[in-house]
Amino acid sequence: MVGILITGHGHFASGIASSVELIMQSLEGIEVVDFPQGDTATELKENMHNALSKFDDEIVVFADLLSGSPFNTAVMEALENDKIQVVYGTNLGMLIECIMMRNMGSSAIEIANKACEVGQTQIGKFEKQLESEDDSSDEEW
């Protein structure tokens, strides 16, 4: 089974993981690496390396932001390990979809590709529909 590591600034990773657990009832095969205020880049690198070493097979790392320290640290790990895919811009919908794919046996590259596709569809804006003048006429009761 593909391992999943979630990382990000502050407590992004543990926060989104708690939402995943609430919705999916489990965090099996998922590791979390937060980067709280006060931690150094060296501590982040050590924490991420330790978390990644818990996986035996392919891994997808979900980071919060492109070019942030958690993302950059994950990329450095991926450059040394061909089994690691790194995705950034993580949101809850993307993560849930990808965990379901992983649970159905998808590969790390399939999951990473799907993450990009689903992540884009999870962003939008609610638009209120204004009533047309014909619909808003006062009806008599």
N, C-alpha and C. Protein backbone atom coordinates (compact mmCIF):
# COMPACT_ATOMS: atom_id res chain seq x y z
N MET A 1 0.85 -1.18 0.00
CA MET A 1 0.00 0.00 0.00
C MET A 1 0.89 1.24 0.00
N VAL A 2 0.52 2.22 -0.79
CA VAL A 2 1.26 3.48 -0.87
C VAL A 2 1.14 4.22 0.45
N GLY A 3 2.27 4.67 0.96
CA GLY A 3 2.28 5.48 2.17
C GLY A 3 1.92 6.92 1.86
N ILE A 4 1.28 7.58 2.80
CA ILE A 4 0.93 8.99 2.64
C ILE A 4 1.51 9.77 3.81
N LEU A 5 2.24 10.83 3.48
CA LEU A 5 2.78 11.73 4.48
C LEU A 5 2.20 13.12 4.23
N ILE A 6 1.66 13.73 5.25
CA ILE A 6 1.09 15.07 5.16
C ILE A 6 2.01 16.01 5.93
N THR A 7 2.36 17.14 5.32
CA THR A 7 3.24 18.09 5.97
C THR A 7 2.82 19.52 5.65
N GLY A 8 3.22 20.43 6.50
CA GLY A 8 2.90 21.84 6.26
C GLY A 8 3.31 22.71 7.41
N HIS A 9 3.15 23.99 7.21
CA HIS A 9 3.51 24.99 8.21
C HIS A 9 2.58 24.93 9.42
N GLY A 10 3.14 25.27 10.58
CA GLY A 10 2.35 25.26 11.80
C GLY A 10 1.81 23.86 12.05
N HIS A 11 0.53 23.78 12.33
CA HIS A 11 -0.11 22.49 12.59
C HIS A 11 -1.08 22.13 11.46
N PHE A 12 -0.76 22.60 10.25
CA PHE A 12 -1.58 22.28 9.08
C PHE A 12 -1.76 20.78 8.94
N ALA A 13 -0.65 20.05 9.01
CA ALA A 13 -0.68 18.60 8.75
C ALA A 13 -1.54 17.86 9.77
N SER A 14 -1.32 18.11 11.04
CA SER A 14 -2.10 17.41 12.06
C SER A 14 -3.56 17.88 12.04
N GLY A 15 -3.79 19.12 11.67
CA GLY A 15 -5.16 19.63 11.59
C GLY A 15 -5.95 18.97 10.48
N ILE A 16 -5.37 18.91 9.29
CA ILE A 16 -6.09 18.29 8.17
C ILE A 16 -6.21 16.78 8.38
N ALA A 17 -5.20 16.19 9.03
CA ALA A 17 -5.27 14.75 9.34
C ALA A 17 -6.41 14.46 10.30
N SER A 18 -6.66 15.37 11.25
CA SER A 18 -7.77 15.13 12.18
C SER A 18 -9.11 15.19 11.44
N SER A 19 -9.20 16.03 10.42
CA SER A 19 -10.42 16.06 9.60
C SER A 19 -10.57 14.78 8.79
N VAL A 20 -9.48 14.30 8.23
CA VAL A 20 -9.50 13.03 7.48
C VAL A 20 -9.97 11.90 8.40
N GLU A 21 -9.43 11.85 9.59
CA GLU A 21 -9.81 10.79 10.53
C GLU A 21 -11.29 10.88 10.90
N LEU A 22 -11.80 12.09 11.08
CA LEU A 22 -13.22 12.26 11.40
C LEU A 22 -14.10 11.74 10.27
N ILE A 23 -13.71 12.00 9.04
CA ILE A 23 -14.52 11.62 7.88
C ILE A 23 -14.33 10.15 7.51
N MET A 24 -13.08 9.67 7.56
CA MET A 24 -12.77 8.33 7.07
C MET A 24 -12.59 7.29 8.19
N GLN A 25 -12.59 7.73 9.43
CA GLN A 25 -12.51 6.85 10.59
C GLN A 25 -11.15 6.20 10.80
N SER A 26 -10.14 6.57 10.02
CA SER A 26 -8.84 5.92 10.16
C SER A 26 -7.74 6.77 9.54
N LEU A 27 -6.55 6.64 10.10
CA LEU A 27 -5.36 7.25 9.53
C LEU A 27 -4.32 6.18 9.23
N GLU A 28 -4.78 4.97 8.92
CA GLU A 28 -3.86 3.87 8.64
C GLU A 28 -2.99 4.20 7.43
N GLY A 29 -1.70 3.99 7.57
CA GLY A 29 -0.77 4.24 6.47
C GLY A 29 -0.50 5.70 6.20
N ILE A 30 -0.82 6.56 7.17
CA ILE A 30 -0.63 8.00 7.02
C ILE A 30 0.26 8.51 8.15
N GLU A 31 1.27 9.27 7.79
CA GLU A 31 2.14 9.92 8.76
C GLU A 31 1.98 11.43 8.62
N VAL A 32 2.22 12.15 9.70
CA VAL A 32 2.04 13.60 9.74
C VAL A 32 3.33 14.23 10.24
N VAL A 33 3.77 15.29 9.54
CA VAL A 33 4.92 16.06 9.98
C VAL A 33 4.54 17.54 9.98
N ASP A 34 4.35 18.08 11.17
CA ASP A 34 4.09 19.51 11.32
C ASP A 34 5.41 20.28 11.32
N PHE A 35 5.34 21.57 11.06
CA PHE A 35 6.49 22.46 11.12
C PHE A 35 6.10 23.67 11.96
N PRO A 36 5.98 23.45 13.29
CA PRO A 36 5.49 24.53 14.15
C PRO A 36 6.53 25.64 14.32
N GLN A 37 6.02 26.78 14.71
CA GLN A 37 6.90 27.92 14.99
C GLN A 37 7.94 27.50 16.03
N GLY A 38 9.18 27.84 15.79
CA GLY A 38 10.25 27.49 16.71
C GLY A 38 11.08 26.32 16.25
N ASP A 39 10.52 25.46 15.39
CA ASP A 39 11.29 24.36 14.83
C ASP A 39 12.26 24.90 13.78
N THR A 40 13.39 24.27 13.66
CA THR A 40 14.37 24.66 12.66
C THR A 40 14.22 23.79 11.41
N ALA A 41 14.87 24.21 10.34
CA ALA A 41 14.86 23.41 9.11
C ALA A 41 15.51 22.06 9.36
N THR A 42 16.50 22.02 10.23
CA THR A 42 17.17 20.76 10.57
C THR A 42 16.20 19.82 11.28
N GLU A 43 15.41 20.35 12.19
CA GLU A 43 14.42 19.51 12.89
C GLU A 43 13.36 19.01 11.91
N LEU A 44 12.93 19.88 11.01
CA LEU A 44 11.95 19.46 10.00
C LEU A 44 12.51 18.33 9.15
N LYS A 45 13.74 18.48 8.70
CA LYS A 45 14.36 17.45 7.87
C LYS A 45 14.44 16.12 8.62
N GLU A 46 14.85 16.16 9.88
CA GLU A 46 14.95 14.94 10.69
C GLU A 46 13.58 14.31 10.91
N ASN A 47 12.57 15.13 11.24
CA ASN A 47 11.21 14.62 11.47
C ASN A 47 10.64 14.00 10.19
N MET A 48 10.88 14.65 9.05
CA MET A 48 10.35 14.11 7.80
C MET A 48 11.07 12.81 7.42
N HIS A 49 12.38 12.80 7.57
CA HIS A 49 13.14 11.59 7.26
C HIS A 49 12.66 10.41 8.12
N ASN A 50 12.46 10.67 9.41
CA ASN A 50 11.98 9.61 10.32
C ASN A 50 10.59 9.11 9.92
N ALA A 51 9.71 10.03 9.54
CA ALA A 51 8.36 9.64 9.13
C ALA A 51 8.39 8.84 7.84
N LEU A 52 9.20 9.29 6.87
CA LEU A 52 9.29 8.58 5.59
C LEU A 52 9.89 7.18 5.76
N SER A 53 10.77 7.03 6.72
CA SER A 53 11.41 5.72 6.94
C SER A 53 10.44 4.68 7.49
N LYS A 54 9.26 5.10 7.90
CA LYS A 54 8.26 4.16 8.40
C LYS A 54 7.54 3.42 7.28
N PHE A 55 7.72 3.88 6.04
CA PHE A 55 7.06 3.28 4.89
C PHE A 55 8.00 2.33 4.17
N ASP A 56 7.44 1.23 3.66
CA ASP A 56 8.23 0.22 2.96
C ASP A 56 8.18 0.35 1.44
N ASP A 57 7.19 1.04 0.93
CA ASP A 57 6.96 1.05 -0.52
C ASP A 57 6.90 2.49 -1.02
N GLU A 58 6.09 2.71 -2.04
CA GLU A 58 5.92 4.04 -2.60
C GLU A 58 5.29 4.99 -1.58
N ILE A 59 5.56 6.29 -1.77
CA ILE A 59 5.05 7.30 -0.84
C ILE A 59 4.59 8.52 -1.63
N VAL A 60 3.48 9.10 -1.21
CA VAL A 60 3.06 10.40 -1.72
C VAL A 60 3.09 11.36 -0.55
N VAL A 61 3.83 12.45 -0.72
CA VAL A 61 3.90 13.51 0.29
C VAL A 61 2.96 14.62 -0.15
N PHE A 62 2.06 15.00 0.74
CA PHE A 62 1.13 16.11 0.51
C PHE A 62 1.60 17.29 1.34
N ALA A 63 2.04 18.36 0.67
CA ALA A 63 2.52 19.57 1.35
C ALA A 63 1.51 20.70 1.16
N ASP A 64 1.59 21.67 2.07
CA ASP A 64 0.64 22.78 2.01
C ASP A 64 0.94 23.76 0.89
N LEU A 65 2.20 24.19 0.74
CA LEU A 65 2.55 25.26 -0.20
C LEU A 65 3.74 24.92 -1.08
N LEU A 66 3.69 25.37 -2.30
CA LEU A 66 4.84 25.30 -3.20
C LEU A 66 5.97 26.17 -2.63
N SER A 67 7.16 25.63 -2.59
CA SER A 67 8.38 26.34 -2.20
C SER A 67 8.52 26.67 -0.72
N GLY A 68 7.59 26.23 0.11
CA GLY A 68 7.77 26.40 1.55
C GLY A 68 8.75 25.37 2.08
N SER A 69 9.19 25.54 3.29
CA SER A 69 10.16 24.61 3.88
C SER A 69 9.69 23.16 3.90
N PRO A 70 8.43 22.87 4.27
CA PRO A 70 7.99 21.47 4.22
C PRO A 70 8.05 20.89 2.80
N PHE A 71 7.61 21.65 1.82
CA PHE A 71 7.67 21.21 0.43
C PHE A 71 9.12 21.00 0.00
N ASN A 72 9.96 21.97 0.26
CA ASN A 72 11.37 21.88 -0.15
C ASN A 72 12.06 20.68 0.49
N THR A 73 11.75 20.42 1.74
CA THR A 73 12.34 19.28 2.44
C THR A 73 11.87 17.97 1.81
N ALA A 74 10.59 17.90 1.47
CA ALA A 74 10.05 16.70 0.82
C ALA A 74 10.68 16.50 -0.55
N VAL A 75 10.88 17.57 -1.29
CA VAL A 75 11.50 17.48 -2.61
C VAL A 75 12.93 16.95 -2.48
N MET A 76 13.66 17.42 -1.48
CA MET A 76 15.03 16.92 -1.27
C MET A 76 15.02 15.41 -1.00
N GLU A 77 14.04 14.94 -0.25
CA GLU A 77 13.91 13.50 0.00
C GLU A 77 13.55 12.77 -1.30
N ALA A 78 12.65 13.37 -2.10
CA ALA A 78 12.23 12.74 -3.35
C ALA A 78 13.37 12.66 -4.36
N LEU A 79 14.27 13.61 -4.33
CA LEU A 79 15.42 13.58 -5.23
C LEU A 79 16.36 12.41 -4.92
N GLU A 80 16.30 11.95 -3.68
CA GLU A 80 17.14 10.82 -3.26
C GLU A 80 16.40 9.49 -3.29
N ASN A 81 15.09 9.52 -3.52
CA ASN A 81 14.28 8.30 -3.47
C ASN A 81 13.21 8.37 -4.57
N ASP A 82 13.37 7.56 -5.60
CA ASP A 82 12.44 7.56 -6.74
C ASP A 82 11.03 7.10 -6.37
N LYS A 83 10.85 6.54 -5.21
CA LYS A 83 9.53 6.04 -4.80
C LYS A 83 8.66 7.15 -4.19
N ILE A 84 9.21 8.37 -4.06
CA ILE A 84 8.48 9.46 -3.41
C ILE A 84 7.95 10.43 -4.47
N GLN A 85 6.66 10.72 -4.40
CA GLN A 85 6.00 11.75 -5.19
C GLN A 85 5.62 12.89 -4.24
N VAL A 86 5.74 14.13 -4.67
CA VAL A 86 5.42 15.28 -3.83
C VAL A 86 4.34 16.12 -4.50
N VAL A 87 3.28 16.40 -3.75
CA VAL A 87 2.15 17.20 -4.20
C VAL A 87 2.06 18.41 -3.29
N TYR A 88 1.75 19.57 -3.84
CA TYR A 88 1.57 20.77 -3.02
C TYR A 88 0.19 21.37 -3.25
N GLY A 89 -0.21 22.28 -2.38
CA GLY A 89 -1.54 22.88 -2.47
C GLY A 89 -2.62 21.97 -1.91
N THR A 90 -2.25 21.17 -0.95
CA THR A 90 -3.15 20.15 -0.41
C THR A 90 -4.42 20.76 0.16
N ASN A 91 -5.54 20.13 -0.19
CA ASN A 91 -6.81 20.48 0.44
C ASN A 91 -7.52 19.19 0.86
N LEU A 92 -8.53 19.32 1.67
CA LEU A 92 -9.19 18.15 2.26
C LEU A 92 -9.83 17.25 1.22
N GLY A 93 -10.52 17.82 0.25
CA GLY A 93 -11.17 17.01 -0.78
C GLY A 93 -10.16 16.18 -1.57
N MET A 94 -9.06 16.81 -1.92
CA MET A 94 -7.99 16.13 -2.65
C MET A 94 -7.45 14.98 -1.83
N LEU A 95 -7.19 15.23 -0.58
CA LEU A 95 -6.60 14.23 0.29
C LEU A 95 -7.51 13.02 0.48
N ILE A 96 -8.79 13.26 0.70
CA ILE A 96 -9.74 12.16 0.88
C ILE A 96 -9.84 11.32 -0.40
N GLU A 97 -9.96 11.98 -1.54
CA GLU A 97 -10.03 11.26 -2.82
C GLU A 97 -8.79 10.39 -3.01
N CYS A 98 -7.63 10.94 -2.71
CA CYS A 98 -6.38 10.21 -2.92
C CYS A 98 -6.21 9.05 -1.94
N ILE A 99 -6.69 9.21 -0.74
CA ILE A 99 -6.63 8.11 0.23
C ILE A 99 -7.54 6.98 -0.23
N MET A 100 -8.70 7.31 -0.77
CA MET A 100 -9.59 6.27 -1.29
C MET A 100 -8.93 5.55 -2.47
N MET A 101 -8.26 6.30 -3.34
CA MET A 101 -7.54 5.67 -4.46
C MET A 101 -6.46 4.74 -3.94
N ARG A 102 -5.72 5.20 -2.95
CA ARG A 102 -4.65 4.40 -2.36
C ARG A 102 -5.22 3.11 -1.79
N ASN A 103 -6.36 3.21 -1.11
CA ASN A 103 -7.00 2.05 -0.51
C ASN A 103 -7.48 1.05 -1.56
N MET A 104 -7.66 1.52 -2.80
CA MET A 104 -8.09 0.64 -3.89
C MET A 104 -6.90 0.13 -4.71
N GLY A 105 -5.68 0.42 -4.26
CA GLY A 105 -4.50 -0.15 -4.89
C GLY A 105 -3.80 0.70 -5.93
N SER A 106 -4.13 1.97 -6.05
CA SER A 106 -3.47 2.83 -7.03
C SER A 106 -2.01 3.06 -6.67
N SER A 107 -1.22 3.35 -7.68
CA SER A 107 0.21 3.62 -7.48
C SER A 107 0.43 5.06 -7.02
N ALA A 108 1.63 5.34 -6.55
CA ALA A 108 1.96 6.69 -6.09
C ALA A 108 1.83 7.71 -7.20
N ILE A 109 2.28 7.38 -8.40
CA ILE A 109 2.19 8.32 -9.51
C ILE A 109 0.74 8.56 -9.91
N GLU A 110 -0.09 7.51 -9.88
CA GLU A 110 -1.52 7.68 -10.18
C GLU A 110 -2.18 8.59 -9.14
N ILE A 111 -1.82 8.38 -7.88
CA ILE A 111 -2.38 9.20 -6.80
C ILE A 111 -1.94 10.65 -6.94
N ALA A 112 -0.66 10.87 -7.20
CA ALA A 112 -0.15 12.24 -7.35
C ALA A 112 -0.82 12.96 -8.53
N ASN A 113 -0.98 12.25 -9.63
CA ASN A 113 -1.66 12.86 -10.79
C ASN A 113 -3.11 13.19 -10.48
N LYS A 114 -3.79 12.28 -9.81
CA LYS A 114 -5.19 12.50 -9.45
C LYS A 114 -5.32 13.66 -8.46
N ALA A 115 -4.34 13.79 -7.56
CA ALA A 115 -4.36 14.88 -6.58
C ALA A 115 -4.39 16.23 -7.29
N CYS A 116 -3.59 16.38 -8.32
CA CYS A 116 -3.56 17.65 -9.06
C CYS A 116 -4.89 17.91 -9.75
N GLU A 117 -5.46 16.88 -10.33
CA GLU A 117 -6.75 17.02 -11.01
C GLU A 117 -7.87 17.36 -10.03
N VAL A 118 -7.97 16.61 -8.95
CA VAL A 118 -9.04 16.81 -7.98
C VAL A 118 -8.84 18.12 -7.22
N GLY A 119 -7.60 18.44 -6.89
CA GLY A 119 -7.33 19.67 -6.16
C GLY A 119 -7.87 20.90 -6.89
N GLN A 120 -7.72 20.92 -8.20
CA GLN A 120 -8.19 22.05 -8.99
C GLN A 120 -9.72 22.13 -8.99
N THR A 121 -10.38 20.99 -8.97
CA THR A 121 -11.85 21.01 -8.98
C THR A 121 -12.43 21.34 -7.62
N GLN A 122 -11.61 21.31 -6.58
CA GLN A 122 -12.08 21.59 -5.23
C GLN A 122 -12.03 23.08 -4.88
N ILE A 123 -11.65 23.90 -5.85
CA ILE A 123 -11.55 25.34 -5.61
C ILE A 123 -12.61 26.03 -6.44
N GLY A 124 -13.37 26.89 -5.80
CA GLY A 124 -14.41 27.62 -6.50
C GLY A 124 -15.04 28.65 -5.60
N LYS A 125 -16.05 29.26 -6.08
CA LYS A 125 -16.76 30.28 -5.33
C LYS A 125 -18.25 30.05 -5.48
N PHE A 126 -18.96 30.09 -4.37
CA PHE A 126 -20.42 29.97 -4.40
C PHE A 126 -21.01 31.25 -4.96
N GLU A 127 -21.88 31.11 -5.91
CA GLU A 127 -22.55 32.26 -6.50
C GLU A 127 -24.04 32.19 -6.17
N LYS A 128 -24.53 33.22 -5.52
CA LYS A 128 -25.96 33.28 -5.26
C LYS A 128 -26.69 33.59 -6.56
N GLN A 129 -27.80 32.93 -6.76
CA GLN A 129 -28.63 33.19 -7.94
C GLN A 129 -29.65 34.26 -7.57
N LEU A 130 -29.62 35.36 -8.28
CA LEU A 130 -30.60 36.41 -8.03
C LEU A 130 -31.90 36.03 -8.70
N GLU A 131 -32.98 36.32 -8.03
CA GLU A 131 -34.28 36.01 -8.61
C GLU A 131 -34.51 36.93 -9.80
N SER A 132 -35.06 36.37 -10.85
CA SER A 132 -35.39 37.22 -11.99
C SER A 132 -36.61 38.05 -11.63
N GLU A 133 -36.82 39.12 -12.37
CA GLU A 133 -37.94 39.99 -12.05
C GLU A 133 -39.27 39.26 -12.17
N ASP A 134 -39.35 38.32 -13.11
CA ASP A 134 -40.60 37.56 -13.28
C ASP A 134 -40.88 36.68 -12.04
N ASP A 135 -39.83 36.15 -11.46
CA ASP A 135 -40.01 35.25 -10.30
C ASP A 135 -40.29 36.01 -9.02
N SER A 136 -39.93 37.27 -8.99
CA SER A 136 -40.01 38.01 -7.73
C SER A 136 -41.32 38.80 -7.58
N SER A 137 -42.21 38.64 -8.53
CA SER A 137 -43.46 39.40 -8.42
C SER A 137 -44.23 38.95 -7.20
N ASP A 138 -44.93 39.87 -6.60
CA ASP A 138 -45.73 39.54 -5.42
C ASP A 138 -46.92 38.70 -5.83
N GLU A 139 -46.97 37.53 -5.25
CA GLU A 139 -48.10 36.67 -5.53
C GLU A 139 -49.15 36.88 -4.47
N GLU A 140 -50.39 36.87 -4.88
CA GLU A 140 -51.46 37.00 -3.90
C GLU A 140 -51.81 35.64 -3.36
N TRP A 141 -52.12 35.63 -2.12
CA TRP A 141 -52.47 34.37 -1.46
C TRP A 141 -53.92 34.22 -1.40
